[in-house]
């Protein structure tokens, strides 16, 4: 009996030691994020390792990316002061704690030291259909001066006139792909189709090509730095025409029969359809939802007040953006620059809509 008791105690001790070893080993795997996780496709490894050689390593995960500043060389930056906010004249954080990006709220050097150490690829979709092809040269030329300088950027140009796409010299690490699309008789139809086309393009090949995707209007020009401070999980821009007014006057879709309907007492900001983006999989989710809503409205013979922009605002009401861009990042040049806009980075081309819209 005594021998059995001693054997039992010894066996129990080995079990305890084995448990401690397994817990320690699993803790190490999770800390370095080598441990596989379950996904819809079964076990899928998370390839992010611990920071190696002082450089950041991209987290190849479908939902988020983790970054660290380069520690390979010493550098200093101005200390942020908790009791001394850089901007007191504007809102800089949303009620759900997403940053609102204004001049003076970020340190460009710090951001670049974080993001430039990761092999990021950023896609930019632009639709230059019909007469809007005339704006493409200015868009690309100014983008090459100001848009995400020093980063890998791939422009995806959707047009019905591939032969009219201008030749613009691209910086190293940047590329341009032309995708032919159908021209429709109504400009509203072109707007309605954009979500569908972007969705299919992401599904077919962009998931394998880019980390981030930003969808921009072509009739715009860059005037100033538009950099990595815009990168985020889900990003939207405040419409320049509605950032000073009460939400009751936002041009939301107010008919309850539409899937884009927003009640009069709801809404945070009115977001512009001319810019949205984020992680490519989050943009896919957004375009899938908006396309499905657009199809439902079509079956019910209703067209939202501002087509895709109305559906975008409905989506962002329930799927809050993780970063919001101030009107600096999407301005209307028909308006005078207000004092709160220290710089205008990206703005509309002043034009006669009747001359460029197919049925205006």
Protein backbone atom coordinates (compact mmCIF):
# COMPACT_ATOMS: atom_id res chain seq x y z
CA UNK A 1 0.00 0.00 0.00
CA UNK A 2 2.84 2.41 0.89
CA UNK A 3 4.55 1.70 -2.47
CA UNK A 4 1.34 2.46 -4.33
CA UNK A 5 0.96 5.74 -2.39
CA UNK A 6 4.54 6.81 -3.18
CA UNK A 7 4.05 5.90 -6.84
CA UNK A 8 0.84 7.93 -6.95
CA UNK A 9 2.54 10.97 -5.39
CA UNK A 10 5.44 10.71 -7.83
CA UNK A 11 3.08 10.43 -10.79
CA UNK A 12 1.11 13.44 -9.59
CA UNK A 13 4.31 15.49 -9.31
CA UNK A 14 5.22 14.68 -12.91
CA UNK A 15 1.77 15.75 -14.02
CA UNK A 16 2.17 19.08 -12.23
CA UNK A 17 5.59 19.64 -13.84
CA UNK A 18 4.17 18.76 -17.26
CA UNK A 19 1.27 21.16 -16.77
CA UNK A 20 3.67 23.97 -15.77
CA UNK A 21 5.82 23.28 -18.83
CA UNK A 22 2.81 23.31 -21.17
CA UNK A 23 1.43 26.53 -19.69
CA UNK A 24 4.82 28.24 -20.01
CA UNK A 25 5.30 27.04 -23.58
CA UNK A 26 1.78 28.07 -24.65
CA UNK A 27 2.28 31.48 -23.03
CA UNK A 28 5.45 31.95 -25.11
CA UNK A 29 3.65 30.97 -28.32
CA UNK A 30 0.80 33.37 -27.64
CA UNK A 31 3.17 36.20 -26.69
CA UNK A 32 5.00 35.83 -29.98
CA UNK A 33 1.65 35.20 -31.76
CA UNK A 34 2.77 32.03 -33.50
CA UNK A 35 -0.23 30.11 -32.24
CA UNK A 36 -2.75 29.18 -34.96
CA UNK A 37 -6.33 30.24 -34.62
CA UNK A 38 -9.59 28.94 -36.00
CA UNK A 39 -11.02 30.66 -39.04
CA UNK A 40 -13.74 29.90 -41.55
CA UNK A 41 -11.14 28.02 -43.55
CA UNK A 42 -9.96 25.87 -40.62
CA UNK A 43 -6.70 26.34 -38.77
CA UNK A 44 -4.83 29.30 -40.12
CA UNK A 45 -1.46 30.51 -38.74
CA UNK A 46 -0.94 34.05 -37.57
CA UNK A 47 2.46 34.87 -38.96
CA UNK A 48 3.37 37.81 -36.80
CA UNK A 49 6.46 37.09 -34.73
CA UNK A 50 7.99 39.12 -31.95
CA UNK A 51 9.82 42.25 -33.07
CA UNK A 52 13.10 41.15 -34.64
CA UNK A 53 16.26 43.21 -35.06
CA UNK A 54 14.50 46.32 -33.84
CA UNK A 55 12.20 46.52 -36.87
CA UNK A 56 8.45 46.20 -37.11
CA UNK A 57 6.95 43.06 -38.61
CA UNK A 58 3.54 43.14 -40.29
CA UNK A 59 0.74 41.15 -38.67
CA UNK A 60 -0.65 39.24 -41.65
CA UNK A 61 -4.10 38.94 -40.16
CA UNK A 62 -7.32 39.61 -42.01
CA UNK A 63 -8.67 42.03 -39.42
CA UNK A 64 -5.81 44.07 -38.03
CA UNK A 65 -2.19 45.01 -38.40
CA UNK A 66 0.22 45.74 -35.57
CA UNK A 67 3.10 48.16 -35.97
CA UNK A 68 6.10 49.22 -33.92
CA UNK A 69 8.52 52.09 -34.38
CA UNK A 70 11.99 51.36 -35.75
CA UNK A 71 14.40 50.91 -32.84
CA UNK A 72 17.48 50.33 -35.00
CA UNK A 73 18.57 53.95 -34.65
CA UNK A 74 18.12 56.56 -31.96
CA UNK A 75 15.79 59.45 -32.62
CA UNK A 76 13.77 61.91 -30.62
CA UNK A 77 10.46 63.65 -31.02
CA UNK A 78 8.69 66.40 -29.17
CA UNK A 79 7.05 65.13 -25.99
CA UNK A 80 3.24 65.18 -26.09
CA UNK A 81 1.79 67.12 -23.16
CA UNK A 82 -1.35 65.65 -21.64
CA UNK A 83 -2.57 69.02 -20.36
CA UNK A 84 -1.59 70.92 -23.50
CA UNK A 85 -3.67 69.67 -26.44
CA UNK A 86 -2.40 70.82 -29.82
CA UNK A 87 -5.90 71.75 -31.00
CA UNK A 88 -8.57 73.34 -28.79
CA UNK A 89 -10.73 74.77 -31.58
CA UNK A 90 -12.02 71.50 -33.06
CA UNK A 91 -13.20 68.06 -31.97
CA UNK A 92 -10.28 65.64 -32.21
CA UNK A 93 -11.88 62.45 -30.82
CA UNK A 94 -15.31 61.00 -31.60
CA UNK A 95 -17.68 59.85 -28.84
CA UNK A 96 -16.57 56.27 -29.63
CA UNK A 97 -12.90 57.29 -29.19
CA UNK A 98 -11.86 57.29 -32.84
CA UNK A 99 -9.37 60.05 -33.72
CA UNK A 100 -10.44 62.91 -35.98
CA UNK A 101 -7.37 63.86 -37.97
CA UNK A 102 -6.55 67.56 -38.25
CA UNK A 103 -3.35 69.45 -38.86
CA UNK A 104 -1.55 69.65 -35.52
CA UNK A 105 -2.99 66.44 -34.08
CA UNK A 106 -0.23 64.11 -35.31
CA UNK A 107 3.53 63.97 -35.72
CA UNK A 108 4.30 62.99 -39.30
CA UNK A 109 7.84 61.84 -38.47
CA UNK A 110 6.64 59.49 -35.74
CA UNK A 111 3.95 58.01 -37.99
CA UNK A 112 6.37 57.45 -40.85
CA UNK A 113 8.90 55.76 -38.57
CA UNK A 114 6.18 53.32 -37.59
CA UNK A 115 4.61 52.55 -40.97
CA UNK A 116 7.61 52.72 -43.29
CA UNK A 117 9.25 49.75 -41.56
CA UNK A 118 6.42 47.49 -42.69
CA UNK A 119 6.04 46.19 -46.22
CA UNK A 120 2.66 47.83 -46.71
CA UNK A 121 0.80 48.00 -50.00
CA UNK A 122 -1.97 50.55 -50.37
CA UNK A 123 -4.53 50.33 -53.17
CA UNK A 124 -6.39 53.37 -54.51
CA UNK A 125 -9.51 52.94 -56.65
CA UNK A 126 -10.54 55.73 -59.02
CA UNK A 127 -13.46 55.79 -61.45
CA UNK A 128 -12.87 57.86 -64.59
CA UNK A 129 -15.95 57.03 -66.64
CA UNK A 130 -17.35 59.05 -69.51
CA UNK A 131 -16.37 62.70 -69.47
CA UNK A 132 -14.73 62.29 -66.04
CA UNK A 133 -11.64 60.91 -67.78
CA UNK A 134 -10.56 64.54 -68.21
CA UNK A 135 -9.84 64.79 -64.48
CA UNK A 136 -7.58 61.74 -64.27
CA UNK A 137 -4.31 63.42 -65.31
CA UNK A 138 -4.60 66.10 -62.62
CA UNK A 139 -5.58 63.53 -60.01
CA UNK A 140 -2.60 61.26 -60.74
CA UNK A 141 -0.10 64.07 -61.19
CA UNK A 142 -0.93 65.67 -57.84
CA UNK A 143 -1.24 62.27 -56.12
CA UNK A 144 2.34 61.50 -57.11
CA UNK A 145 3.41 64.69 -55.35
CA UNK A 146 1.40 64.37 -52.15
CA UNK A 147 -0.32 60.99 -51.68
CA UNK A 148 1.48 58.57 -49.34
CA UNK A 149 4.94 59.60 -50.45
CA UNK A 150 7.52 56.88 -49.77
CA UNK A 151 4.92 54.10 -49.63
CA UNK A 152 3.91 51.41 -52.10
CA UNK A 153 0.74 52.60 -53.82
CA UNK A 154 -1.17 50.80 -56.57
CA UNK A 155 -3.74 52.84 -58.52
CA UNK A 156 -6.70 50.92 -59.96
CA UNK A 157 -8.29 53.04 -62.68
CA UNK A 158 -11.80 52.02 -63.73
CA UNK A 159 -12.76 53.56 -67.05
CA UNK A 160 -14.70 52.95 -70.25
CA UNK A 161 -11.83 54.57 -72.21
CA UNK A 162 -8.61 52.66 -71.42
CA UNK A 163 -6.78 54.24 -74.35
CA UNK A 164 -7.39 57.72 -72.88
CA UNK A 165 -5.69 57.00 -69.57
CA UNK A 166 -2.82 59.53 -69.40
CA UNK A 167 0.83 58.60 -69.04
CA UNK A 168 2.02 59.89 -65.68
CA UNK A 169 5.49 59.11 -64.35
CA UNK A 170 5.17 57.04 -61.19
CA UNK A 171 7.67 56.95 -58.35
CA UNK A 172 9.52 53.69 -57.57
CA UNK A 173 7.32 51.18 -55.77
CA UNK A 174 4.13 52.54 -57.31
CA UNK A 175 1.98 50.98 -60.02
CA UNK A 176 -1.15 51.57 -62.08
CA UNK A 177 -3.66 49.09 -63.44
CA UNK A 178 -6.46 49.99 -65.85
CA UNK A 179 -9.75 48.10 -65.56
CA UNK A 180 -12.33 48.54 -68.31
CA UNK A 181 -15.91 49.05 -67.15
CA UNK A 182 -19.23 49.82 -68.81
CA UNK A 183 -20.45 53.36 -69.24
CA UNK A 184 -24.08 53.95 -68.28
CA UNK A 185 -26.48 56.57 -69.56
CA UNK A 186 -27.15 58.09 -66.13
CA UNK A 187 -24.40 59.39 -63.82
CA UNK A 188 -26.49 58.12 -60.92
CA UNK A 189 -26.21 54.60 -62.34
CA UNK A 190 -22.42 54.92 -62.46
CA UNK A 191 -22.48 55.94 -58.80
CA UNK A 192 -24.79 53.07 -57.90
CA UNK A 193 -22.56 50.52 -59.64
CA UNK A 194 -19.34 51.59 -57.94
CA UNK A 195 -19.90 49.56 -54.77
CA UNK A 196 -20.61 46.43 -56.81
CA UNK A 197 -17.50 46.85 -58.98
CA UNK A 198 -15.20 47.52 -56.04
CA UNK A 199 -16.64 44.51 -54.20
CA UNK A 200 -15.99 42.14 -57.09
CA UNK A 201 -12.51 43.56 -57.70
CA UNK A 202 -11.55 43.01 -54.06
CA UNK A 203 -12.92 39.46 -54.12
CA UNK A 204 -11.20 38.59 -57.40
CA UNK A 205 -7.70 39.90 -56.76
CA UNK A 206 -7.16 42.84 -54.39
CA UNK A 207 -7.25 40.65 -51.27
CA UNK A 208 -3.97 39.17 -52.42
CA UNK A 209 -2.43 42.45 -53.60
CA UNK A 210 -2.95 45.18 -50.97
CA UNK A 211 -3.20 45.64 -47.21
CA UNK A 212 -5.21 48.86 -47.31
CA UNK A 213 -7.67 50.14 -49.91
CA UNK A 214 -8.88 53.72 -50.36
CA UNK A 215 -11.70 54.64 -52.75
CA UNK A 216 -11.41 58.21 -54.03
CA UNK A 217 -13.28 60.40 -56.52
CA UNK A 218 -11.37 61.37 -59.65
CA UNK A 219 -12.51 64.99 -59.93
CA UNK A 220 -10.17 65.99 -57.10
CA UNK A 221 -6.67 67.40 -56.69
CA UNK A 222 -4.07 66.90 -53.95
CA UNK A 223 -2.49 70.07 -52.63
CA UNK A 224 -0.60 69.01 -49.51
CA UNK A 225 0.70 66.02 -47.57
CA UNK A 226 -1.87 63.17 -47.50
CA UNK A 227 0.11 60.48 -45.73
CA UNK A 228 0.12 57.48 -43.44
CA UNK A 229 -1.89 59.32 -40.81
CA UNK A 230 -4.95 58.33 -42.90
CA UNK A 231 -4.31 54.60 -42.50
CA UNK A 232 -6.74 52.77 -40.25
CA UNK A 233 -9.08 49.82 -39.92
CA UNK A 234 -12.13 51.66 -41.30
CA UNK A 235 -11.72 55.28 -42.38
CA UNK A 236 -14.24 57.90 -43.49
CA UNK A 237 -14.09 61.63 -44.23
CA UNK A 238 -16.44 64.29 -42.87
CA UNK A 239 -18.30 66.01 -45.69
CA UNK A 240 -17.10 69.64 -46.01
CA UNK A 241 -20.62 70.92 -46.51
CA UNK A 242 -22.12 69.57 -43.30
CA UNK A 243 -19.55 69.63 -40.50
CA UNK A 244 -20.95 72.80 -38.91
CA UNK A 245 -24.66 72.00 -39.00
CA UNK A 246 -27.10 70.01 -36.89
CA UNK A 247 -27.71 66.43 -37.98
CA UNK A 248 -31.37 67.17 -38.65
CA UNK A 249 -30.28 68.91 -41.85
CA UNK A 250 -27.87 66.18 -42.99
CA UNK A 251 -28.96 64.94 -46.44
CA UNK A 252 -29.52 61.40 -45.18
CA UNK A 253 -32.09 59.21 -46.87
CA UNK A 254 -35.23 59.98 -44.84
CA UNK A 255 -37.70 57.60 -46.48
CA UNK A 256 -38.21 54.58 -44.25
CA UNK A 257 -38.89 52.41 -47.31
CA UNK A 258 -35.20 52.64 -48.28
CA UNK A 259 -32.49 50.46 -46.74
CA UNK A 260 -30.41 53.66 -46.47
CA UNK A 261 -32.96 55.24 -44.12
CA UNK A 262 -31.61 57.21 -41.16
CA UNK A 263 -34.13 58.61 -38.64
CA UNK A 264 -34.12 62.35 -37.99
CA UNK A 265 -32.79 61.91 -34.45
CA UNK A 266 -29.85 59.69 -35.42
CA UNK A 267 -26.45 60.22 -37.01
CA UNK A 268 -22.97 61.28 -35.92
CA UNK A 269 -21.41 63.01 -38.90
CA UNK A 270 -22.32 63.21 -42.56
CA UNK A 271 -19.60 61.34 -44.43
CA UNK A 272 -18.58 62.07 -48.00
CA UNK A 273 -18.87 59.33 -50.60
CA UNK A 274 -15.77 60.73 -52.32
CA UNK A 275 -13.44 58.99 -49.82
CA UNK A 276 -13.66 55.84 -47.76
CA UNK A 277 -11.15 53.14 -47.01
CA UNK A 278 -9.26 51.03 -44.51
CA UNK A 279 -8.07 47.44 -44.31
CA UNK A 280 -8.99 45.77 -47.57
CA UNK A 281 -11.21 43.18 -45.85
CA UNK A 282 -13.12 45.90 -44.04
CA UNK A 283 -13.69 47.74 -47.31
CA UNK A 284 -14.94 44.45 -48.74
CA UNK A 285 -17.46 44.13 -45.90
CA UNK A 286 -18.58 47.72 -46.46
CA UNK A 287 -19.05 47.30 -50.22
CA UNK A 288 -20.81 43.95 -49.77
CA UNK A 289 -23.31 45.49 -47.35
CA UNK A 290 -23.90 48.60 -49.45
CA UNK A 291 -24.28 46.58 -52.65
CA UNK A 292 -26.83 44.28 -51.00
CA UNK A 293 -28.76 47.31 -49.72
CA UNK A 294 -28.69 48.91 -53.17
CA UNK A 295 -30.09 45.72 -54.72
CA UNK A 296 -32.88 45.60 -52.14
CA UNK A 297 -33.83 49.19 -52.90
CA UNK A 298 -33.81 48.45 -56.62
CA UNK A 299 -36.20 45.53 -56.11
CA UNK A 300 -38.46 47.93 -54.21
CA UNK A 301 -38.20 50.55 -56.98
CA UNK A 302 -36.51 53.14 -54.77
CA UNK A 303 -33.26 55.03 -55.26
CA UNK A 304 -31.65 56.62 -52.20
CA UNK A 305 -31.31 60.40 -52.18
CA UNK A 306 -27.56 60.38 -52.84
CA UNK A 307 -27.13 56.86 -54.20
CA UNK A 308 -24.05 55.13 -52.76
CA UNK A 309 -23.27 58.03 -50.41
CA UNK A 310 -26.62 57.52 -48.68
CA UNK A 311 -25.91 53.81 -48.21
CA UNK A 312 -22.37 54.57 -47.03
CA UNK A 313 -23.74 56.85 -44.30
CA UNK A 314 -26.27 54.25 -43.20
CA UNK A 315 -23.51 51.62 -42.98
CA UNK A 316 -21.18 53.90 -40.98
CA UNK A 317 -23.97 54.75 -38.57
CA UNK A 318 -23.93 51.12 -37.39
CA UNK A 319 -20.29 50.29 -38.16
CA UNK A 320 -18.42 53.24 -36.69
CA UNK A 321 -15.21 54.24 -38.47
CA UNK A 322 -12.05 53.72 -36.44
CA UNK A 323 -10.53 56.90 -37.85
CA UNK A 324 -12.28 60.01 -39.17
CA UNK A 325 -10.63 62.49 -41.52
CA UNK A 326 -11.42 66.17 -41.06
CA UNK A 327 -12.51 68.35 -44.01
CA UNK A 328 -8.82 69.11 -44.63
CA UNK A 329 -8.71 65.73 -46.36
CA UNK A 330 -11.75 66.37 -48.55
CA UNK A 331 -12.55 70.01 -49.19
CA UNK A 332 -14.90 71.82 -51.56
CA UNK A 333 -13.05 74.59 -53.38
CA UNK A 334 -16.26 76.48 -54.04
CA UNK A 335 -16.19 77.34 -50.33
CA UNK A 336 -13.88 79.84 -48.67
CA UNK A 337 -11.22 78.28 -46.45
CA UNK A 338 -12.34 78.69 -42.81
CA UNK A 339 -9.88 79.44 -39.98
CA UNK A 340 -10.13 75.93 -38.48
CA UNK A 341 -8.68 74.48 -41.69
CA UNK A 342 -4.97 75.16 -41.31
CA UNK A 343 -4.29 73.39 -44.61
CA UNK A 344 -6.31 71.98 -47.50
CA UNK A 345 -4.91 68.64 -48.58
CA UNK A 346 -7.40 67.28 -51.11
CA UNK A 347 -10.22 69.18 -52.77
CA UNK A 348 -12.77 69.09 -55.57
CA UNK A 349 -12.11 70.50 -59.02
CA UNK A 350 -14.40 73.44 -59.70
CA UNK A 351 -16.45 72.43 -62.73
CA UNK A 352 -19.78 72.71 -64.48
CA UNK A 353 -21.59 69.48 -63.60
CA UNK A 354 -23.88 69.86 -66.58
CA UNK A 355 -20.89 69.45 -68.88
CA UNK A 356 -19.44 66.32 -67.32
CA UNK A 357 -22.47 64.40 -66.06
CA UNK A 358 -24.15 62.26 -68.67
CA UNK A 359 -27.73 63.30 -67.91
CA UNK A 360 -27.28 66.42 -65.76
